[in-house]
Amino acid sequence: MKDYKIKTYKEAIQVIEEVGLLPLAPLVPEFPALNTITAPESWHSDTEFDPWIWRTRFAVEGVAGYGKFMKKKSVLISRALLPYFKAVLGSYETVEERFQKGNVSREALAVYRIISEAGVIDTRELRTIAGLRDKEHKKVFDNALLELQGAMDIVISGIKERINAEGEKNGWSSTSFETYDSWASRNKIEALAVEKEKAREYLLYHFQEVASENAVKKLKKILGE
């Protein structure tokens, strides 16, 4: 596999398009991650070379799907592979249907309904509307988001800056969420009518072409053997 070393956002796009999957931090052995192919000093530099800024820019510009889709870790998935990952990690049943079968938590269902109705909503507002703003509810809220991202029901679609009364940035920005279907439709990524196993085979064939044997073994486990 190529030993990628990049400096610019444009180069990062090329890596995502070539490899198809780019975790923010190491997730698969002998496989690139955004923080291993960029210089440590670039992170949180608040410059055009800052990968921390790029991570949401990919989603905002429709370059890649972004979210904690795999092993509860943040990953970027190329437009070309995204529908295949959706077929493998997601479900053809709606969130409501899975809830009725006991496969989705009540909190995840409530959070999904709010995101679906809002279109795009930032974390602070989402927690407030969901009634999970109190400190003791943080874990419940976080778990609901992880549950929905793990099934690719929702994606991170950008960030919302915290602005003070003077119109200046003030404090940490807040992650914004959107349903997968809404984000994909908005960015003209078509849904695939493909069986889960066929989608899995397609992904593994792709990774066999671009990654090492060890990397593919790990990806097989993540994608479900």
C-alpha atoms as a PDB file:
ATOM      1  CA  MET A   1       0.000   0.000   0.000  1.00  0.00           C
ATOM      2  CA  LYS A   2       1.151   3.548  -0.700  1.00  0.00           C
ATOM      3  CA  ASP A   3       2.810   5.440   2.142  1.00  0.00           C
ATOM      4  CA  TYR A   4       0.657   8.553   1.968  1.00  0.00           C
ATOM      5  CA  LYS A   5       1.995  11.859   3.277  1.00  0.00           C
ATOM      6  CA  ILE A   6      -0.096  14.924   2.564  1.00  0.00           C
ATOM      7  CA  LYS A   7      -0.261  18.629   3.399  1.00  0.00           C
ATOM      8  CA  THR A   8      -3.343  20.015   1.693  1.00  0.00           C
ATOM      9  CA  TYR A   9      -7.098  19.484   1.674  1.00  0.00           C
ATOM     10  CA  LYS A  10      -6.957  18.716  -2.055  1.00  0.00           C
ATOM     11  CA  GLU A  11      -4.425  15.951  -1.429  1.00  0.00           C
ATOM     12  CA  ALA A  12      -6.654  14.537   1.321  1.00  0.00           C
ATOM     13  CA  ILE A  13      -9.558  14.325  -1.139  1.00  0.00           C
ATOM     14  CA  GLN A  14      -7.341  12.341  -3.522  1.00  0.00           C
ATOM     15  CA  VAL A  15      -6.447   9.874  -0.750  1.00  0.00           C
ATOM     16  CA  ILE A  16     -10.101   9.387   0.208  1.00  0.00           C
ATOM     17  CA  GLU A  17     -11.066   8.808  -3.416  1.00  0.00           C
ATOM     18  CA  GLU A  18      -8.214   6.324  -3.971  1.00  0.00           C
ATOM     19  CA  VAL A  19      -8.502   4.368  -0.722  1.00  0.00           C
ATOM     20  CA  GLY A  20     -12.250   4.786  -0.157  1.00  0.00           C
ATOM     21  CA  LEU A  21     -12.023   4.822   3.617  1.00  0.00           C
ATOM     22  CA  LEU A  22     -10.042   7.184   5.828  1.00  0.00           C
ATOM     23  CA  PRO A  23     -10.371   6.939   9.623  1.00  0.00           C
ATOM     24  CA  LEU A  24      -9.408  10.064  11.556  1.00  0.00           C
ATOM     25  CA  ALA A  25      -7.144   7.959  13.811  1.00  0.00           C
ATOM     26  CA  PRO A  26      -5.699   4.456  13.267  1.00  0.00           C
ATOM     27  CA  LEU A  27      -8.449   1.851  13.053  1.00  0.00           C
ATOM     28  CA  VAL A  28      -7.076  -0.763  10.658  1.00  0.00           C
ATOM     29  CA  PRO A  29      -3.462  -2.066  10.761  1.00  0.00           C
ATOM     30  CA  GLU A  30      -1.199  -1.043   7.880  1.00  0.00           C
ATOM     31  CA  PHE A  31      -3.889   1.325   6.639  1.00  0.00           C
ATOM     32  CA  PRO A  32      -3.810   5.139   6.421  1.00  0.00           C
ATOM     33  CA  ALA A  33      -5.567   7.406   8.912  1.00  0.00           C
ATOM     34  CA  LEU A  34      -5.899  11.171   8.620  1.00  0.00           C
ATOM     35  CA  ASN A  35      -3.659  11.768  11.637  1.00  0.00           C
ATOM     36  CA  THR A  36      -0.914   9.428  10.360  1.00  0.00           C
ATOM     37  CA  ILE A  37      -0.655  10.902   6.877  1.00  0.00           C
ATOM     38  CA  THR A  38      -0.533  14.540   8.036  1.00  0.00           C
ATOM     39  CA  ALA A  39       2.000  16.454  10.142  1.00  0.00           C
ATOM     40  CA  PRO A  40       1.143  16.621  13.878  1.00  0.00           C
ATOM     41  CA  GLU A  41       1.894  20.347  13.961  1.00  0.00           C
ATOM     42  CA  SER A  42      -0.807  20.992  11.337  1.00  0.00           C
ATOM     43  CA  TRP A  43      -3.575  19.820  13.670  1.00  0.00           C
ATOM     44  CA  HIS A  44      -5.489  22.564  15.488  1.00  0.00           C
ATOM     45  CA  SER A  45      -3.309  25.156  13.749  1.00  0.00           C
ATOM     46  CA  ASP A  46      -6.462  26.969  12.562  1.00  0.00           C
ATOM     47  CA  THR A  47      -4.922  27.316   9.097  1.00  0.00           C
ATOM     48  CA  GLU A  48      -5.865  25.961   5.681  1.00  0.00           C
ATOM     49  CA  PHE A  49      -3.540  23.030   6.421  1.00  0.00           C
ATOM     50  CA  ASP A  50      -5.441  21.974   9.563  1.00  0.00           C
ATOM     51  CA  PRO A  51      -6.946  18.461   9.159  1.00  0.00           C
ATOM     52  CA  TRP A  52      -9.245  19.181  12.116  1.00  0.00           C
ATOM     53  CA  ILE A  53     -10.958  21.783   9.914  1.00  0.00           C
ATOM     54  CA  TRP A  54     -10.941  19.484   6.877  1.00  0.00           C
ATOM     55  CA  ARG A  55     -12.849  16.704   8.641  1.00  0.00           C
ATOM     56  CA  THR A  56     -16.151  18.592   8.549  1.00  0.00           C
ATOM     57  CA  ARG A  57     -15.373  20.346   5.277  1.00  0.00           C
ATOM     58  CA  PHE A  58     -15.449  16.938   3.551  1.00  0.00           C
ATOM     59  CA  ALA A  59     -19.019  16.490   4.786  1.00  0.00           C
ATOM     60  CA  VAL A  60     -20.137  20.066   4.112  1.00  0.00           C
ATOM     61  CA  GLU A  61     -18.878  19.889   0.509  1.00  0.00           C
ATOM     62  CA  GLY A  62     -20.242  16.386  -0.086  1.00  0.00           C
ATOM     63  CA  VAL A  63     -16.777  14.957  -0.694  1.00  0.00           C
ATOM     64  CA  ALA A  64     -17.165  12.105   1.809  1.00  0.00           C
ATOM     65  CA  GLY A  65     -19.570  10.732   4.366  1.00  0.00           C
ATOM     66  CA  TYR A  66     -18.411  11.483   7.905  1.00  0.00           C
ATOM     67  CA  GLY A  67     -19.397   9.898  11.180  1.00  0.00           C
ATOM     68  CA  LYS A  68     -18.656   7.245  13.785  1.00  0.00           C
ATOM     69  CA  PHE A  69     -19.720   4.482  11.453  1.00  0.00           C
ATOM     70  CA  MET A  70     -17.200   1.804  12.427  1.00  0.00           C
ATOM     71  CA  LYS A  71     -16.206   0.542  15.893  1.00  0.00           C
ATOM     72  CA  LYS A  72     -17.537   3.808  17.368  1.00  0.00           C
ATOM     73  CA  LYS A  73     -14.668   5.636  15.639  1.00  0.00           C
ATOM     74  CA  SER A  74     -14.823   8.628  13.296  1.00  0.00           C
ATOM     75  CA  VAL A  75     -14.241   7.738   9.654  1.00  0.00           C
ATOM     76  CA  LEU A  76     -14.543   9.344   6.250  1.00  0.00           C
ATOM     77  CA  ILE A  77     -15.986   7.245   3.419  1.00  0.00           C
ATOM     78  CA  SER A  78     -15.738   8.181  -0.250  1.00  0.00           C
ATOM     79  CA  ARG A  79     -18.854   8.970  -2.267  1.00  0.00           C
ATOM     80  CA  ALA A  80     -18.182   5.902  -4.448  1.00  0.00           C
ATOM     81  CA  LEU A  81     -18.107   3.437  -1.544  1.00  0.00           C
ATOM     82  CA  LEU A  82     -20.633   5.095   0.754  1.00  0.00           C
ATOM     83  CA  PRO A  83     -23.742   3.313  -0.629  1.00  0.00           C
ATOM     84  CA  TYR A  84     -21.955  -0.048  -0.262  1.00  0.00           C
ATOM     85  CA  PHE A  85     -21.009   0.671   3.358  1.00  0.00           C
ATOM     86  CA  LYS A  86     -24.600   1.758   3.950  1.00  0.00           C
ATOM     87  CA  ALA A  87     -25.835  -1.576   2.574  1.00  0.00           C
ATOM     88  CA  VAL A  88     -23.477  -3.513   4.862  1.00  0.00           C
ATOM     89  CA  LEU A  89     -23.616  -1.485   8.081  1.00  0.00           C
ATOM     90  CA  GLY A  90     -27.141  -0.153   7.746  1.00  0.00           C
ATOM     91  CA  SER A  91     -30.560  -1.747   7.408  1.00  0.00           C
ATOM     92  CA  TYR A  92     -33.322  -1.795   4.835  1.00  0.00           C
ATOM     93  CA  GLU A  93     -35.776  -1.443   7.706  1.00  0.00           C
ATOM     94  CA  THR A  94     -36.563   2.041   8.962  1.00  0.00           C
ATOM     95  CA  VAL A  95     -35.532   3.185  12.427  1.00  0.00           C
ATOM     96  CA  GLU A  96     -39.201   3.000  13.429  1.00  0.00           C
ATOM     97  CA  GLU A  97     -39.515  -0.598  12.206  1.00  0.00           C
ATOM     98  CA  ARG A  98     -36.359  -1.657  14.026  1.00  0.00           C
ATOM     99  CA  PHE A  99     -37.597   0.042  17.196  1.00  0.00           C
ATOM    100  CA  GLN A 100     -40.862  -1.927  17.013  1.00  0.00           C
ATOM    101  CA  LYS A 101     -38.771  -5.124  16.860  1.00  0.00           C
ATOM    102  CA  GLY A 102     -36.686  -4.067  19.848  1.00  0.00           C
ATOM    103  CA  ASN A 103     -33.541  -3.423  17.784  1.00  0.00           C
ATOM    104  CA  VAL A 104     -33.320   0.339  18.404  1.00  0.00           C
ATOM    105  CA  SER A 105     -33.379   2.073  21.788  1.00  0.00           C
ATOM    106  CA  ARG A 106     -36.156   4.499  22.701  1.00  0.00           C
ATOM    107  CA  GLU A 107     -33.613   7.340  23.059  1.00  0.00           C
ATOM    108  CA  ALA A 108     -32.121   6.660  19.617  1.00  0.00           C
ATOM    109  CA  LEU A 109     -35.595   6.688  18.078  1.00  0.00           C
ATOM    110  CA  ALA A 110     -36.424  10.010  19.756  1.00  0.00           C
ATOM    111  CA  VAL A 111     -33.122  11.556  18.619  1.00  0.00           C
ATOM    112  CA  TYR A 112     -33.614  10.262  15.071  1.00  0.00           C
ATOM    113  CA  ARG A 113     -37.113  11.722  14.865  1.00  0.00           C
ATOM    114  CA  ILE A 114     -35.805  15.147  15.944  1.00  0.00           C
ATOM    115  CA  ILE A 115     -32.955  15.088  13.402  1.00  0.00           C
ATOM    116  CA  SER A 116     -35.291  13.898  10.658  1.00  0.00           C
ATOM    117  CA  GLU A 117     -37.759  16.695  11.342  1.00  0.00           C
ATOM    118  CA  ALA A 118     -35.104  19.400  11.722  1.00  0.00           C
ATOM    119  CA  GLY A 119     -33.164  18.518   8.568  1.00  0.00           C
ATOM    120  CA  VAL A 120     -29.832  19.643  10.006  1.00  0.00           C
ATOM    121  CA  ILE A 121     -29.414  20.246  13.730  1.00  0.00           C
ATOM    122  CA  ASP A 122     -26.454  20.930  15.996  1.00  0.00           C
ATOM    123  CA  THR A 123     -25.670  18.872  19.100  1.00  0.00           C
ATOM    124  CA  ARG A 124     -26.603  21.534  21.661  1.00  0.00           C
ATOM    125  CA  GLU A 125     -30.062  22.119  20.210  1.00  0.00           C
ATOM    126  CA  LEU A 126     -30.580  18.388  19.672  1.00  0.00           C
ATOM    127  CA  ARG A 127     -29.813  17.589  23.327  1.00  0.00           C
ATOM    128  CA  THR A 128     -32.152  20.320  24.493  1.00  0.00           C
ATOM    129  CA  ILE A 129     -35.095  19.219  22.336  1.00  0.00           C
ATOM    130  CA  ALA A 130     -34.493  15.569  23.279  1.00  0.00           C
ATOM    131  CA  GLY A 131     -34.671  16.521  26.963  1.00  0.00           C
ATOM    132  CA  LEU A 132     -31.183  15.109  27.545  1.00  0.00           C
ATOM    133  CA  ARG A 133     -29.409  18.345  28.377  1.00  0.00           C
ATOM    134  CA  ASP A 134     -28.641  17.483  32.017  1.00  0.00           C
ATOM    135  CA  LYS A 135     -25.200  16.151  32.863  1.00  0.00           C
ATOM    136  CA  GLU A 136     -26.550  12.782  34.003  1.00  0.00           C
ATOM    137  CA  HIS A 137     -28.127  12.272  30.563  1.00  0.00           C
ATOM    138  CA  LYS A 138     -24.931  12.875  28.568  1.00  0.00           C
ATOM    139  CA  LYS A 139     -24.012   9.185  28.299  1.00  0.00           C
ATOM    140  CA  VAL A 140     -27.532   8.249  27.198  1.00  0.00           C
ATOM    141  CA  PHE A 141     -27.448  10.972  24.556  1.00  0.00           C
ATOM    142  CA  ASP A 142     -23.957  10.015  23.343  1.00  0.00           C
ATOM    143  CA  ASN A 143     -24.958   6.344  23.130  1.00  0.00           C
ATOM    144  CA  ALA A 144     -28.029   7.232  21.067  1.00  0.00           C
ATOM    145  CA  LEU A 145     -25.843   9.132  18.602  1.00  0.00           C
ATOM    146  CA  LEU A 146     -23.357   6.231  18.424  1.00  0.00           C
ATOM    147  CA  GLU A 147     -26.191   3.766  17.834  1.00  0.00           C
ATOM    148  CA  LEU A 148     -27.598   5.819  14.963  1.00  0.00           C
ATOM    149  CA  GLN A 149     -24.188   6.481  13.393  1.00  0.00           C
ATOM    150  CA  GLY A 150     -23.184   2.823  13.689  1.00  0.00           C
ATOM    151  CA  ALA A 151     -26.173   1.862  11.540  1.00  0.00           C
ATOM    152  CA  MET A 152     -25.534   4.851   9.256  1.00  0.00           C
ATOM    153  CA  ASP A 153     -28.971   6.264  10.019  1.00  0.00           C
ATOM    154  CA  ILE A 154     -27.359   9.662  10.607  1.00  0.00           C
ATOM    155  CA  VAL A 155     -24.167  11.427   9.512  1.00  0.00           C
ATOM    156  CA  ILE A 156     -22.175  14.406  10.710  1.00  0.00           C
ATOM    157  CA  SER A 157     -22.985  17.124   8.208  1.00  0.00           C
ATOM    158  CA  GLY A 158     -20.891  20.006   9.535  1.00  0.00           C
ATOM    159  CA  ILE A 159     -20.352  22.226  12.558  1.00  0.00           C
ATOM    160  CA  LYS A 160     -22.100  25.222  14.029  1.00  0.00           C
ATOM    161  CA  GLU A 161     -19.905  27.948  15.456  1.00  0.00           C
ATOM    162  CA  ARG A 162     -20.797  29.348  18.862  1.00  0.00           C
ATOM    163  CA  ILE A 163     -21.255  33.099  18.372  1.00  0.00           C
ATOM    164  CA  ASN A 164     -21.531  35.719  21.123  1.00  0.00           C
ATOM    165  CA  ALA A 165     -23.743  38.832  21.165  1.00  0.00           C
ATOM    166  CA  GLU A 166     -21.062  40.774  19.260  1.00  0.00           C
ATOM    167  CA  GLY A 167     -21.113  38.236  16.437  1.00  0.00           C
ATOM    168  CA  GLU A 168     -17.697  36.823  17.327  1.00  0.00           C
ATOM    169  CA  LYS A 169     -16.686  33.188  17.777  1.00  0.00           C
ATOM    170  CA  ASN A 170     -17.019  32.272  21.422  1.00  0.00           C
ATOM    171  CA  GLY A 171     -16.109  28.820  22.747  1.00  0.00           C
ATOM    172  CA  TRP A 172     -16.207  25.401  21.130  1.00  0.00           C
ATOM    173  CA  SER A 173     -18.143  24.828  17.929  1.00  0.00           C
ATOM    174  CA  SER A 174     -20.898  22.212  17.918  1.00  0.00           C
ATOM    175  CA  THR A 175     -21.258  19.205  15.621  1.00  0.00           C
ATOM    176  CA  SER A 176     -24.300  19.163  13.332  1.00  0.00           C
ATOM    177  CA  PHE A 177     -26.183  16.008  12.365  1.00  0.00           C
ATOM    178  CA  GLU A 178     -28.440  15.049   9.467  1.00  0.00           C
ATOM    179  CA  THR A 179     -30.093  11.800   8.444  1.00  0.00           C
ATOM    180  CA  TYR A 180     -28.054   9.731   5.997  1.00  0.00           C
ATOM    181  CA  ASP A 181     -30.892   9.765   3.467  1.00  0.00           C
ATOM    182  CA  SER A 182     -31.186  13.553   3.605  1.00  0.00           C
ATOM    183  CA  TRP A 183     -27.421  14.154   3.303  1.00  0.00           C
ATOM    184  CA  ALA A 184     -27.006  11.593   0.506  1.00  0.00           C
ATOM    185  CA  SER A 185     -29.950  12.992  -1.450  1.00  0.00           C
ATOM    186  CA  ARG A 186     -28.715  16.562  -1.038  1.00  0.00           C
ATOM    187  CA  ASN A 187     -25.274  15.534  -2.297  1.00  0.00           C
ATOM    188  CA  LYS A 188     -26.677  13.436  -5.168  1.00  0.00           C
ATOM    189  CA  ILE A 189     -25.441  10.074  -3.867  1.00  0.00           C
ATOM    190  CA  GLU A 190     -27.839   7.423  -5.115  1.00  0.00           C
ATOM    191  CA  ALA A 191     -29.112   4.578  -2.952  1.00  0.00           C
ATOM    192  CA  LEU A 192     -28.150   1.098  -4.117  1.00  0.00           C
ATOM    193  CA  ALA A 193     -30.552  -1.828  -4.325  1.00  0.00           C
ATOM    194  CA  VAL A 194     -27.863  -4.383  -3.480  1.00  0.00           C
ATOM    195  CA  GLU A 195     -27.859  -7.304  -1.074  1.00  0.00           C
ATOM    196  CA  LYS A 196     -25.727  -6.950   2.034  1.00  0.00           C
ATOM    197  CA  GLU A 197     -23.427  -9.839   1.106  1.00  0.00           C
ATOM    198  CA  LYS A 198     -22.916  -8.556  -2.448  1.00  0.00           C
ATOM    199  CA  ALA A 199     -22.064  -5.100  -1.090  1.00  0.00           C
ATOM    200  CA  ARG A 200     -19.613  -6.673   1.367  1.00  0.00           C
ATOM    201  CA  GLU A 201     -17.950  -8.638  -1.439  1.00  0.00           C
ATOM    202  CA  TYR A 202     -17.626  -5.474  -3.502  1.00  0.00           C
ATOM    203  CA  LEU A 203     -15.971  -3.601  -0.627  1.00  0.00           C
ATOM    204  CA  LEU A 204     -13.554  -6.418   0.174  1.00  0.00           C
ATOM    205  CA  TYR A 205     -12.594  -6.727  -3.492  1.00  0.00           C
ATOM    206  CA  HIS A 206     -11.857  -2.990  -3.531  1.00  0.00           C
ATOM    207  CA  PHE A 207      -9.728  -3.163  -0.390  1.00  0.00           C
ATOM    208  CA  GLN A 208      -7.828  -6.208  -1.656  1.00  0.00           C
ATOM    209  CA  GLU A 209      -6.737  -3.997  -4.547  1.00  0.00           C
ATOM    210  CA  VAL A 210      -5.502  -1.099  -2.394  1.00  0.00           C
ATOM    211  CA  ALA A 211      -4.600  -2.521   1.052  1.00  0.00           C
ATOM    212  CA  SER A 212      -2.372  -5.118   2.658  1.00  0.00           C
ATOM    213  CA  GLU A 213      -3.506  -8.625   3.642  1.00  0.00           C
ATOM    214  CA  ASN A 214      -3.509  -7.673   7.343  1.00  0.00           C
ATOM    215  CA  ALA A 215      -5.648  -4.626   6.652  1.00  0.00           C
ATOM    216  CA  VAL A 216      -8.153  -6.670   4.653  1.00  0.00           C
ATOM    217  CA  LYS A 217      -8.389  -9.262   7.480  1.00  0.00           C
ATOM    218  CA  LYS A 218      -9.343  -6.520   9.919  1.00  0.00           C
ATOM    219  CA  LEU A 219     -11.815  -4.982   7.494  1.00  0.00           C
ATOM    220  CA  LYS A 220     -13.448  -8.398   7.031  1.00  0.00           C
ATOM    221  CA  LYS A 221     -14.106  -8.527  10.774  1.00  0.00           C
ATOM    222  CA  ILE A 222     -15.433  -4.965  10.885  1.00  0.00           C
ATOM    223  CA  LEU A 223     -17.743  -5.650   7.951  1.00  0.00           C
ATOM    224  CA  GLY A 224     -18.935  -8.903   9.520  1.00  0.00           C
ATOM    225  CA  GLU A 225     -17.615 -12.283   8.482  1.00  0.00           C
END
